[in-house]
Amino acid sequence: MLGDKIENLEDEISINPKKELLENINAFKRELNFLRKHIKPAKEMILNLAKMESEFIHDENHIHFKELQDNVNEASELSDSYREILYDQLNIYHTTMTTKLNEIMRILTVFSVIFIPLTFLVGVYGTNFVYLPEKDWHYGYFAMWGVMIITTMVMLWYFKRKKWF
């Protein structure tokens, strides 16, 4: 049943949002729109038939028209309810995907911020100048590694303190 499928989507979205769930939501929306497009005219027609005075419609049949009218009203309300549920599920899907993307971007940003200063230091010491004061120093290589490690550690400490990483 369509209603059960729509209600089961919410659990899947919160556990593991996948692109195929988005396709399912859109397919269910199309199906609901199709149903709504056909329920609304039927609702009006049945309402008009129930109100109509005709020699072809006997009084004992008005009970059946009322029952039919109740069924169509229930179908219309259910389609509206499921439509709202699908819109909510679509919002949950987009929110979940945005949260995942933000997590990925945060991690990539932290790595970029760490490696940009290190790339600068390596770029400076990778230049081919004749005179670099640290070039002739015996511990210059280790000092450069020390500066790079300290820079990385200070940035990681700062990110952890700000709760970014």
N, C-alpha and C. Protein backbone atom coordinates (compact mmCIF):
# COMPACT_ATOMS: atom_id res chain seq x y z
N MET A 1 0.84 -1.17 0.00
CA MET A 1 0.00 0.00 0.00
C MET A 1 0.89 1.24 0.00
N LEU A 2 0.46 2.25 -0.71
CA LEU A 2 1.25 3.47 -0.87
C LEU A 2 1.52 4.15 0.47
N GLY A 3 0.52 4.19 1.33
CA GLY A 3 0.71 4.84 2.62
C GLY A 3 1.78 4.18 3.46
N ASP A 4 1.81 2.86 3.47
CA ASP A 4 2.84 2.13 4.23
C ASP A 4 4.23 2.40 3.67
N LYS A 5 4.34 2.43 2.37
CA LYS A 5 5.64 2.71 1.74
C LYS A 5 6.13 4.10 2.11
N ILE A 6 5.24 5.07 2.10
CA ILE A 6 5.61 6.44 2.45
C ILE A 6 6.05 6.52 3.90
N GLU A 7 5.32 5.87 4.78
CA GLU A 7 5.67 5.91 6.21
C GLU A 7 6.97 5.20 6.50
N ASN A 8 7.29 4.15 5.76
CA ASN A 8 8.54 3.41 5.96
C ASN A 8 9.76 4.18 5.45
N LEU A 9 9.54 5.13 4.55
CA LEU A 9 10.66 5.91 4.02
C LEU A 9 11.36 6.72 5.10
N GLU A 10 10.60 7.20 6.07
CA GLU A 10 11.17 8.08 7.10
C GLU A 10 12.26 7.37 7.89
N ASP A 11 12.05 6.09 8.21
CA ASP A 11 13.08 5.33 8.93
C ASP A 11 14.34 5.18 8.08
N GLU A 12 14.16 4.90 6.80
CA GLU A 12 15.31 4.74 5.91
C GLU A 12 16.08 6.04 5.75
N ILE A 13 15.36 7.16 5.68
CA ILE A 13 16.02 8.46 5.51
C ILE A 13 16.88 8.79 6.71
N SER A 14 16.38 8.52 7.90
CA SER A 14 17.16 8.87 9.09
C SER A 14 18.33 7.93 9.30
N ILE A 15 18.23 6.68 8.85
CA ILE A 15 19.32 5.72 9.03
C ILE A 15 20.41 5.92 7.99
N ASN A 16 20.04 5.90 6.73
CA ASN A 16 21.03 6.00 5.66
C ASN A 16 20.42 6.68 4.44
N PRO A 17 20.51 8.01 4.37
CA PRO A 17 19.94 8.70 3.22
C PRO A 17 20.75 8.43 1.95
N LYS A 18 20.09 7.86 0.96
CA LYS A 18 20.73 7.56 -0.31
C LYS A 18 19.97 8.30 -1.42
N LYS A 19 20.62 8.39 -2.57
CA LYS A 19 20.00 9.08 -3.69
C LYS A 19 18.73 8.37 -4.16
N GLU A 20 18.71 7.04 -4.05
CA GLU A 20 17.51 6.31 -4.49
C GLU A 20 16.30 6.63 -3.61
N LEU A 21 16.52 7.02 -2.36
CA LEU A 21 15.41 7.44 -1.51
C LEU A 21 14.78 8.73 -2.04
N LEU A 22 15.63 9.62 -2.53
CA LEU A 22 15.13 10.86 -3.12
C LEU A 22 14.28 10.54 -4.36
N GLU A 23 14.73 9.58 -5.15
CA GLU A 23 13.97 9.15 -6.32
C GLU A 23 12.63 8.54 -5.91
N ASN A 24 12.64 7.76 -4.81
CA ASN A 24 11.39 7.17 -4.30
C ASN A 24 10.42 8.26 -3.84
N ILE A 25 10.95 9.24 -3.13
CA ILE A 25 10.09 10.34 -2.65
C ILE A 25 9.45 11.05 -3.83
N ASN A 26 10.23 11.33 -4.85
CA ASN A 26 9.69 12.03 -6.02
C ASN A 26 8.67 11.16 -6.77
N ALA A 27 8.92 9.85 -6.83
CA ALA A 27 7.96 8.95 -7.49
C ALA A 27 6.65 8.93 -6.70
N PHE A 28 6.73 8.86 -5.38
CA PHE A 28 5.52 8.86 -4.55
C PHE A 28 4.78 10.19 -4.67
N LYS A 29 5.52 11.28 -4.78
CA LYS A 29 4.87 12.59 -4.96
C LYS A 29 4.10 12.63 -6.28
N ARG A 30 4.71 12.11 -7.33
CA ARG A 30 4.03 12.07 -8.63
C ARG A 30 2.76 11.22 -8.55
N GLU A 31 2.86 10.08 -7.89
CA GLU A 31 1.71 9.19 -7.76
C GLU A 31 0.59 9.85 -6.95
N LEU A 32 0.97 10.51 -5.87
CA LEU A 32 -0.03 11.21 -5.05
C LEU A 32 -0.69 12.35 -5.83
N ASN A 33 0.11 13.07 -6.60
CA ASN A 33 -0.46 14.16 -7.40
C ASN A 33 -1.45 13.62 -8.43
N PHE A 34 -1.11 12.47 -9.01
CA PHE A 34 -2.03 11.82 -9.96
C PHE A 34 -3.34 11.45 -9.26
N LEU A 35 -3.23 10.84 -8.08
CA LEU A 35 -4.43 10.47 -7.34
C LEU A 35 -5.27 11.68 -6.94
N ARG A 36 -4.60 12.70 -6.46
CA ARG A 36 -5.32 13.92 -6.05
C ARG A 36 -6.03 14.56 -7.22
N LYS A 37 -5.38 14.53 -8.37
CA LYS A 37 -5.97 15.13 -9.57
C LYS A 37 -7.26 14.42 -9.96
N HIS A 38 -7.36 13.14 -9.64
CA HIS A 38 -8.56 12.38 -9.98
C HIS A 38 -9.56 12.29 -8.84
N ILE A 39 -9.11 12.46 -7.62
CA ILE A 39 -10.03 12.41 -6.47
C ILE A 39 -10.86 13.68 -6.38
N LYS A 40 -10.26 14.84 -6.61
CA LYS A 40 -10.97 16.12 -6.46
C LYS A 40 -12.22 16.21 -7.35
N PRO A 41 -12.13 15.88 -8.66
CA PRO A 41 -13.35 15.94 -9.48
C PRO A 41 -14.40 14.91 -9.05
N ALA A 42 -13.93 13.72 -8.62
CA ALA A 42 -14.88 12.71 -8.16
C ALA A 42 -15.59 13.18 -6.91
N LYS A 43 -14.89 13.88 -6.06
CA LYS A 43 -15.48 14.41 -4.83
C LYS A 43 -16.59 15.40 -5.16
N GLU A 44 -16.33 16.28 -6.10
CA GLU A 44 -17.33 17.28 -6.51
C GLU A 44 -18.53 16.60 -7.17
N MET A 45 -18.26 15.62 -8.01
CA MET A 45 -19.34 14.94 -8.71
C MET A 45 -20.25 14.20 -7.73
N ILE A 46 -19.68 13.52 -6.77
CA ILE A 46 -20.47 12.78 -5.79
C ILE A 46 -21.27 13.73 -4.91
N LEU A 47 -20.67 14.86 -4.56
CA LEU A 47 -21.38 15.87 -3.77
C LEU A 47 -22.60 16.39 -4.54
N ASN A 48 -22.41 16.66 -5.82
CA ASN A 48 -23.52 17.13 -6.65
C ASN A 48 -24.60 16.06 -6.81
N LEU A 49 -24.18 14.80 -6.98
CA LEU A 49 -25.16 13.72 -7.11
C LEU A 49 -25.97 13.54 -5.81
N ALA A 50 -25.31 13.70 -4.69
CA ALA A 50 -25.99 13.53 -3.40
C ALA A 50 -27.02 14.63 -3.17
N LYS A 51 -26.77 15.81 -3.71
CA LYS A 51 -27.68 16.95 -3.53
C LYS A 51 -28.79 16.97 -4.58
N MET A 52 -28.57 16.27 -5.67
CA MET A 52 -29.50 16.35 -6.79
C MET A 52 -30.82 15.65 -6.48
N GLU A 53 -31.87 16.29 -6.90
CA GLU A 53 -33.20 15.70 -6.79
C GLU A 53 -33.57 15.19 -8.19
N SER A 54 -33.73 13.89 -8.28
CA SER A 54 -34.05 13.30 -9.57
C SER A 54 -34.94 12.09 -9.33
N GLU A 55 -35.76 11.80 -10.33
CA GLU A 55 -36.64 10.63 -10.21
C GLU A 55 -35.86 9.33 -10.37
N PHE A 56 -34.62 9.43 -10.89
CA PHE A 56 -33.79 8.23 -11.07
C PHE A 56 -33.05 7.84 -9.78
N ILE A 57 -32.90 8.79 -8.86
CA ILE A 57 -32.19 8.52 -7.60
C ILE A 57 -33.24 8.40 -6.51
N HIS A 58 -33.35 7.22 -5.95
CA HIS A 58 -34.34 6.97 -4.91
C HIS A 58 -33.78 7.36 -3.55
N ASP A 59 -34.67 7.59 -2.60
CA ASP A 59 -34.27 8.03 -1.27
C ASP A 59 -33.37 7.01 -0.56
N GLU A 60 -33.63 5.74 -0.77
CA GLU A 60 -32.80 4.73 -0.11
C GLU A 60 -31.37 4.71 -0.65
N ASN A 61 -31.14 5.30 -1.82
CA ASN A 61 -29.79 5.36 -2.39
C ASN A 61 -28.97 6.52 -1.82
N HIS A 62 -29.63 7.47 -1.19
CA HIS A 62 -28.89 8.61 -0.62
C HIS A 62 -27.93 8.16 0.47
N ILE A 63 -28.25 7.09 1.16
CA ILE A 63 -27.33 6.54 2.17
C ILE A 63 -26.04 6.09 1.51
N HIS A 64 -26.15 5.48 0.35
CA HIS A 64 -24.96 5.00 -0.36
C HIS A 64 -24.14 6.17 -0.89
N PHE A 65 -24.81 7.23 -1.33
CA PHE A 65 -24.09 8.42 -1.79
C PHE A 65 -23.34 9.06 -0.62
N LYS A 66 -23.96 9.08 0.54
CA LYS A 66 -23.31 9.64 1.74
C LYS A 66 -22.09 8.80 2.10
N GLU A 67 -22.23 7.49 2.02
CA GLU A 67 -21.11 6.59 2.31
C GLU A 67 -19.98 6.79 1.30
N LEU A 68 -20.35 6.90 0.04
CA LEU A 68 -19.36 7.14 -1.01
C LEU A 68 -18.68 8.49 -0.82
N GLN A 69 -19.46 9.47 -0.44
CA GLN A 69 -18.92 10.81 -0.19
C GLN A 69 -17.92 10.76 0.97
N ASP A 70 -18.22 10.03 2.03
CA ASP A 70 -17.30 9.88 3.16
C ASP A 70 -16.01 9.19 2.73
N ASN A 71 -16.14 8.17 1.90
CA ASN A 71 -14.94 7.46 1.41
C ASN A 71 -14.05 8.36 0.56
N VAL A 72 -14.66 9.15 -0.30
CA VAL A 72 -13.88 10.05 -1.15
C VAL A 72 -13.24 11.15 -0.30
N ASN A 73 -13.96 11.65 0.71
CA ASN A 73 -13.38 12.65 1.61
C ASN A 73 -12.18 12.08 2.36
N GLU A 74 -12.32 10.84 2.82
CA GLU A 74 -11.21 10.21 3.53
C GLU A 74 -10.01 10.03 2.60
N ALA A 75 -10.25 9.62 1.36
CA ALA A 75 -9.16 9.46 0.39
C ALA A 75 -8.49 10.79 0.11
N SER A 76 -9.27 11.85 0.02
CA SER A 76 -8.72 13.18 -0.22
C SER A 76 -7.87 13.64 0.96
N GLU A 77 -8.37 13.42 2.18
CA GLU A 77 -7.61 13.81 3.36
C GLU A 77 -6.33 12.99 3.51
N LEU A 78 -6.41 11.70 3.22
CA LEU A 78 -5.22 10.87 3.28
C LEU A 78 -4.17 11.31 2.26
N SER A 79 -4.62 11.64 1.07
CA SER A 79 -3.66 12.08 0.05
C SER A 79 -2.99 13.38 0.47
N ASP A 80 -3.76 14.29 1.07
CA ASP A 80 -3.17 15.54 1.58
C ASP A 80 -2.19 15.26 2.70
N SER A 81 -2.55 14.34 3.58
CA SER A 81 -1.67 13.99 4.70
C SER A 81 -0.38 13.36 4.21
N TYR A 82 -0.48 12.42 3.28
CA TYR A 82 0.71 11.78 2.75
C TYR A 82 1.57 12.76 1.96
N ARG A 83 0.94 13.71 1.34
CA ARG A 83 1.69 14.75 0.60
C ARG A 83 2.53 15.56 1.58
N GLU A 84 1.95 15.94 2.72
CA GLU A 84 2.70 16.68 3.73
C GLU A 84 3.83 15.83 4.30
N ILE A 85 3.56 14.56 4.52
CA ILE A 85 4.60 13.66 5.04
C ILE A 85 5.76 13.59 4.05
N LEU A 86 5.45 13.51 2.75
CA LEU A 86 6.52 13.45 1.75
C LEU A 86 7.33 14.73 1.71
N TYR A 87 6.67 15.88 1.86
CA TYR A 87 7.42 17.14 1.90
C TYR A 87 8.31 17.19 3.13
N ASP A 88 7.83 16.70 4.27
CA ASP A 88 8.65 16.64 5.47
C ASP A 88 9.84 15.70 5.27
N GLN A 89 9.60 14.56 4.64
CA GLN A 89 10.68 13.62 4.39
C GLN A 89 11.71 14.19 3.43
N LEU A 90 11.25 14.94 2.45
CA LEU A 90 12.17 15.59 1.53
C LEU A 90 13.04 16.59 2.28
N ASN A 91 12.45 17.34 3.19
CA ASN A 91 13.23 18.29 3.99
C ASN A 91 14.22 17.57 4.89
N ILE A 92 13.80 16.45 5.49
CA ILE A 92 14.71 15.67 6.34
C ILE A 92 15.87 15.14 5.50
N TYR A 93 15.59 14.66 4.30
CA TYR A 93 16.64 14.16 3.42
C TYR A 93 17.66 15.26 3.11
N HIS A 94 17.15 16.43 2.72
CA HIS A 94 18.06 17.53 2.37
C HIS A 94 18.85 18.00 3.59
N THR A 95 18.23 18.04 4.74
CA THR A 95 18.93 18.44 5.96
C THR A 95 20.02 17.45 6.31
N THR A 96 19.72 16.16 6.20
CA THR A 96 20.72 15.13 6.51
C THR A 96 21.89 15.20 5.54
N MET A 97 21.59 15.37 4.27
CA MET A 97 22.66 15.45 3.27
C MET A 97 23.50 16.71 3.47
N THR A 98 22.87 17.82 3.84
CA THR A 98 23.60 19.06 4.09
C THR A 98 24.51 18.89 5.30
N THR A 99 24.03 18.21 6.32
CA THR A 99 24.85 17.97 7.51
C THR A 99 26.07 17.13 7.16
N LYS A 100 25.87 16.08 6.37
CA LYS A 100 27.00 15.25 5.95
C LYS A 100 28.00 16.06 5.12
N LEU A 101 27.49 16.87 4.22
CA LEU A 101 28.37 17.69 3.39
C LEU A 101 29.14 18.68 4.25
N ASN A 102 28.49 19.26 5.25
CA ASN A 102 29.18 20.20 6.15
C ASN A 102 30.29 19.50 6.92
N GLU A 103 30.07 18.27 7.35
CA GLU A 103 31.10 17.51 8.05
C GLU A 103 32.31 17.29 7.13
N ILE A 104 32.04 16.91 5.90
CA ILE A 104 33.12 16.68 4.94
C ILE A 104 33.88 17.97 4.68
N MET A 105 33.15 19.06 4.48
CA MET A 105 33.80 20.35 4.21
C MET A 105 34.63 20.81 5.40
N ARG A 106 34.14 20.55 6.61
CA ARG A 106 34.88 20.95 7.80
C ARG A 106 36.21 20.21 7.87
N ILE A 107 36.19 18.91 7.61
CA ILE A 107 37.43 18.12 7.66
C ILE A 107 38.39 18.57 6.56
N LEU A 108 37.86 18.79 5.36
CA LEU A 108 38.73 19.25 4.27
C LEU A 108 39.31 20.63 4.57
N THR A 109 38.54 21.48 5.19
CA THR A 109 39.02 22.82 5.54
C THR A 109 40.13 22.73 6.58
N VAL A 110 39.96 21.87 7.58
CA VAL A 110 41.00 21.72 8.60
C VAL A 110 42.30 21.25 7.95
N PHE A 111 42.22 20.25 7.08
CA PHE A 111 43.43 19.78 6.41
C PHE A 111 44.05 20.87 5.54
N SER A 112 43.23 21.63 4.85
CA SER A 112 43.75 22.71 4.01
C SER A 112 44.45 23.76 4.86
N VAL A 113 43.85 24.13 5.97
CA VAL A 113 44.44 25.16 6.83
C VAL A 113 45.76 24.67 7.42
N ILE A 114 45.86 23.37 7.67
CA ILE A 114 47.12 22.84 8.20
C ILE A 114 48.20 22.83 7.12
N PHE A 115 47.85 22.41 5.92
CA PHE A 115 48.87 22.23 4.89
C PHE A 115 49.25 23.50 4.14
N ILE A 116 48.46 24.53 4.20
CA ILE A 116 48.82 25.78 3.50
C ILE A 116 50.09 26.41 4.11
N PRO A 117 50.17 26.58 5.45
CA PRO A 117 51.43 27.14 5.98
C PRO A 117 52.63 26.21 5.75
N LEU A 118 52.39 24.90 5.82
CA LEU A 118 53.49 23.97 5.57
C LEU A 118 53.96 24.06 4.13
N THR A 119 53.06 24.20 3.21
CA THR A 119 53.41 24.37 1.80
C THR A 119 54.21 25.65 1.60
N PHE A 120 53.82 26.70 2.31
CA PHE A 120 54.56 27.96 2.23
C PHE A 120 55.99 27.77 2.71
N LEU A 121 56.16 27.10 3.88
CA LEU A 121 57.51 26.89 4.40
C LEU A 121 58.35 26.07 3.44
N VAL A 122 57.79 25.00 2.91
CA VAL A 122 58.53 24.16 1.98
C VAL A 122 58.85 24.94 0.71
N GLY A 123 57.92 25.78 0.27
CA GLY A 123 58.16 26.60 -0.93
C GLY A 123 59.30 27.57 -0.73
N VAL A 124 59.36 28.19 0.45
CA VAL A 124 60.43 29.14 0.72
C VAL A 124 61.78 28.42 0.74
N TYR A 125 61.84 27.28 1.42
CA TYR A 125 63.11 26.56 1.52
C TYR A 125 63.43 25.74 0.27
N GLY A 126 62.50 25.66 -0.65
CA GLY A 126 62.76 24.94 -1.88
C GLY A 126 63.24 25.86 -2.99
N THR A 127 63.36 27.14 -2.69
CA THR A 127 63.83 28.08 -3.72
C THR A 127 65.33 27.90 -3.95
N ASN A 128 65.78 28.31 -5.09
CA ASN A 128 67.18 28.10 -5.48
C ASN A 128 67.97 29.40 -5.36
N PHE A 129 68.02 29.96 -4.15
CA PHE A 129 68.84 31.14 -3.91
C PHE A 129 70.21 30.69 -3.43
N VAL A 130 71.18 31.52 -3.71
CA VAL A 130 72.53 31.20 -3.29
C VAL A 130 72.67 31.35 -1.78
N TYR A 131 72.05 32.40 -1.24
CA TYR A 131 72.22 32.66 0.19
C TYR A 131 70.92 32.42 0.94
N LEU A 132 70.86 31.38 1.71
CA LEU A 132 69.82 31.13 2.71
C LEU A 132 70.56 30.91 4.01
N PRO A 133 70.28 31.72 5.02
CA PRO A 133 71.07 31.61 6.26
C PRO A 133 71.04 30.21 6.87
N GLU A 134 69.92 29.53 6.78
CA GLU A 134 69.82 28.22 7.42
C GLU A 134 70.44 27.10 6.57
N LYS A 135 70.80 27.43 5.34
CA LYS A 135 71.29 26.41 4.43
C LYS A 135 72.64 25.84 4.88
N ASP A 136 73.46 26.68 5.42
CA ASP A 136 74.78 26.23 5.85
C ASP A 136 74.79 25.75 7.29
N TRP A 137 73.69 25.90 7.96
CA TRP A 137 73.61 25.47 9.37
C TRP A 137 73.43 23.96 9.41
N HIS A 138 74.14 23.30 10.26
CA HIS A 138 74.15 21.84 10.33
C HIS A 138 72.78 21.27 10.71
N TYR A 139 72.05 21.94 11.57
CA TYR A 139 70.74 21.46 12.03
C TYR A 139 69.58 22.17 11.33
N GLY A 140 69.82 22.83 10.22
CA GLY A 140 68.78 23.58 9.50
C GLY A 140 67.62 22.70 9.03
N TYR A 141 67.94 21.51 8.54
CA TYR A 141 66.91 20.59 8.07
C TYR A 141 65.99 20.18 9.22
N PHE A 142 66.61 19.86 10.37
CA PHE A 142 65.81 19.44 11.52
C PHE A 142 65.02 20.61 12.11
N ALA A 143 65.61 21.80 12.03
CA ALA A 143 64.90 22.99 12.53
C ALA A 143 63.66 23.26 11.67
N MET A 144 63.81 23.08 10.36
CA MET A 144 62.65 23.29 9.48
C MET A 144 61.55 22.28 9.81
N TRP A 145 61.92 21.01 10.02
CA TRP A 145 60.94 20.00 10.40
C TRP A 145 60.31 20.35 11.75
N GLY A 146 61.09 20.84 12.65
CA GLY A 146 60.57 21.24 13.96
C GLY A 146 59.55 22.36 13.84
N VAL A 147 59.86 23.36 13.02
CA VAL A 147 58.92 24.47 12.81
C VAL A 147 57.62 23.95 12.18
N MET A 148 57.75 23.06 11.21
CA MET A 148 56.56 22.51 10.57
C MET A 148 55.72 21.68 11.54
N ILE A 149 56.35 20.87 12.36
CA ILE A 149 55.62 20.04 13.32
C ILE A 149 54.97 20.91 14.40
N ILE A 150 55.70 21.90 14.88
CA ILE A 150 55.14 22.80 15.90
C ILE A 150 53.96 23.58 15.32
N THR A 151 54.09 24.06 14.09
CA THR A 151 52.98 24.78 13.44
C THR A 151 51.75 23.88 13.34
N THR A 152 51.96 22.64 12.94
CA THR A 152 50.84 21.69 12.83
C THR A 152 50.22 21.42 14.19
N MET A 153 51.04 21.20 15.18
CA MET A 153 50.52 20.91 16.52
C MET A 153 49.75 22.10 17.10
N VAL A 154 50.26 23.30 16.90
CA VAL A 154 49.57 24.49 17.40
C VAL A 154 48.22 24.65 16.72
N MET A 155 48.16 24.42 15.42
CA MET A 155 46.88 24.52 14.71
C MET A 155 45.90 23.45 15.18
N LEU A 156 46.36 22.21 15.34
CA LEU A 156 45.48 21.15 15.82
C LEU A 156 44.96 21.45 17.23
N TRP A 157 45.84 21.94 18.08
CA TRP A 157 45.44 22.31 19.44
C TRP A 157 44.37 23.41 19.38
N TYR A 158 44.58 24.41 18.53
CA TYR A 158 43.63 25.51 18.40
C TYR A 158 42.28 25.00 17.88
N PHE A 159 42.30 24.11 16.90
CA PHE A 159 41.05 23.56 16.35
C PHE A 159 40.31 22.73 17.40
N LYS A 160 41.05 21.95 18.18
CA LYS A 160 40.39 21.16 19.23
C LYS A 160 39.81 22.07 20.31
N ARG A 161 40.52 23.13 20.63
CA ARG A 161 40.02 24.08 21.64
C ARG A 161 38.75 24.77 21.17
N LYS A 162 38.68 25.07 19.90
CA LYS A 162 37.47 25.68 19.32
C LYS A 162 36.40 24.66 18.98
N LYS A 163 36.74 23.37 19.17
CA LYS A 163 35.83 22.24 18.87
C LYS A 163 35.45 22.19 17.39
N TRP A 164 36.44 22.47 16.55
CA TRP A 164 36.25 22.36 15.11
C TRP A 164 36.68 21.00 14.61
N PHE A 165 37.46 20.31 15.40
CA PHE A 165 38.02 19.03 14.95
C PHE A 165 38.02 18.06 16.08
